[in-house]
Amino acid sequence: MPETPDFKKLAHDIAATILSHRDDFVVTANAGYVEEQLRLVWNARGAADIAKIEADVSLEDVYVKNLDRALRSLDR
């Protein structure tokens, strides 16, 4: 299973590239915003995955309920 991306590094790299003509303070400030947006997208993707699983699998089975609980605990 892939590890959670390093949102802070990704955000800083994106902000630094976009704002390469700005000072480090501006890059850092914008990187925080980008980091939060990346995290929201990551979590939305996870929620969509869980919704798809719920639609495809009956939650009556104890095994499936445990799997559901485990999936919901990821990235929290």
Protein backbone atom coordinates (compact mmCIF):
# COMPACT_ATOMS: atom_id res chain seq x y z
CA MET A 1 0.00 0.00 0.00
CA PRO A 2 1.47 3.38 -0.90
CA GLU A 3 2.53 5.69 1.89
CA THR A 4 0.72 8.97 2.45
CA PRO A 5 2.46 11.60 0.33
CA ASP A 6 4.60 14.24 2.06
CA PHE A 7 2.11 17.05 1.50
CA LYS A 8 4.36 19.64 3.12
CA LYS A 9 7.24 18.90 0.71
CA LEU A 10 4.95 18.67 -2.31
CA ALA A 11 3.30 21.97 -1.41
CA HIS A 12 6.63 23.70 -0.85
CA ASP A 13 8.01 22.43 -4.16
CA ILE A 14 4.88 23.56 -6.02
CA ALA A 15 4.84 26.96 -4.35
CA ALA A 16 8.58 27.43 -4.88
CA THR A 17 8.25 26.65 -8.57
CA ILE A 18 5.26 28.91 -9.08
CA LEU A 19 6.63 31.71 -6.96
CA SER A 20 10.33 31.35 -7.81
CA HIS A 21 10.65 35.11 -8.21
CA ARG A 22 9.30 35.74 -4.68
CA ASP A 23 11.04 35.60 -1.31
CA ASP A 24 11.03 32.52 0.94
CA PHE A 25 8.37 33.97 3.26
CA VAL A 26 5.87 34.21 0.41
CA VAL A 27 6.74 30.69 -0.76
CA THR A 28 6.27 29.27 2.75
CA ALA A 29 2.96 31.09 3.26
CA ASN A 30 1.58 29.84 -0.04
CA ALA A 31 2.97 26.33 0.51
CA GLY A 32 0.76 26.01 3.60
CA TYR A 33 -2.33 26.72 1.53
CA VAL A 34 -1.26 24.32 -1.21
CA GLU A 35 -0.49 21.64 1.40
CA GLU A 36 -4.00 21.91 2.85
CA GLN A 37 -5.57 21.70 -0.61
CA LEU A 38 -3.50 18.60 -1.47
CA ARG A 39 -4.61 16.99 1.80
CA LEU A 40 -8.27 17.77 1.07
CA VAL A 41 -7.98 16.16 -2.37
CA TRP A 42 -6.24 13.11 -0.87
CA ASN A 43 -8.97 12.70 1.75
CA ALA A 44 -11.75 13.21 -0.81
CA ARG A 45 -10.23 10.47 -2.94
CA GLY A 46 -10.21 8.14 0.07
CA ALA A 47 -13.83 8.98 0.83
CA ALA A 48 -14.76 8.22 -2.78
CA ASP A 49 -12.96 4.87 -2.53
CA ILE A 50 -14.86 3.97 0.64
CA ALA A 51 -18.18 5.00 -0.94
CA LYS A 52 -17.44 2.76 -3.93
CA ILE A 53 -16.62 -0.18 -1.66
CA GLU A 54 -19.81 0.39 0.36
CA ALA A 55 -21.87 0.43 -2.83
CA ASP A 56 -20.31 -2.82 -4.04
CA VAL A 57 -20.20 -4.83 -0.82
CA SER A 58 -22.84 -5.66 1.75
CA LEU A 59 -21.95 -4.42 5.22
CA GLU A 60 -23.83 -7.31 6.84
CA ASP A 61 -20.76 -9.53 7.06
CA VAL A 62 -18.57 -9.12 10.19
CA TYR A 63 -15.41 -9.33 8.06
CA VAL A 64 -16.64 -6.54 5.80
CA LYS A 65 -17.56 -4.41 8.83
CA ASN A 66 -14.01 -4.82 10.17
CA LEU A 67 -12.58 -3.96 6.77
CA ASP A 68 -14.82 -0.90 6.60
CA ARG A 69 -13.66 0.24 10.05
CA ALA A 70 -10.00 -0.26 9.07
CA LEU A 71 -10.42 1.74 5.86
CA ARG A 72 -12.06 4.61 7.71
CA SER A 73 -9.19 4.74 10.20
CA LEU A 74 -6.56 5.32 7.49
CA ASP A 75 -5.02 8.81 7.23
CA ARG A 76 -6.70 10.04 10.39
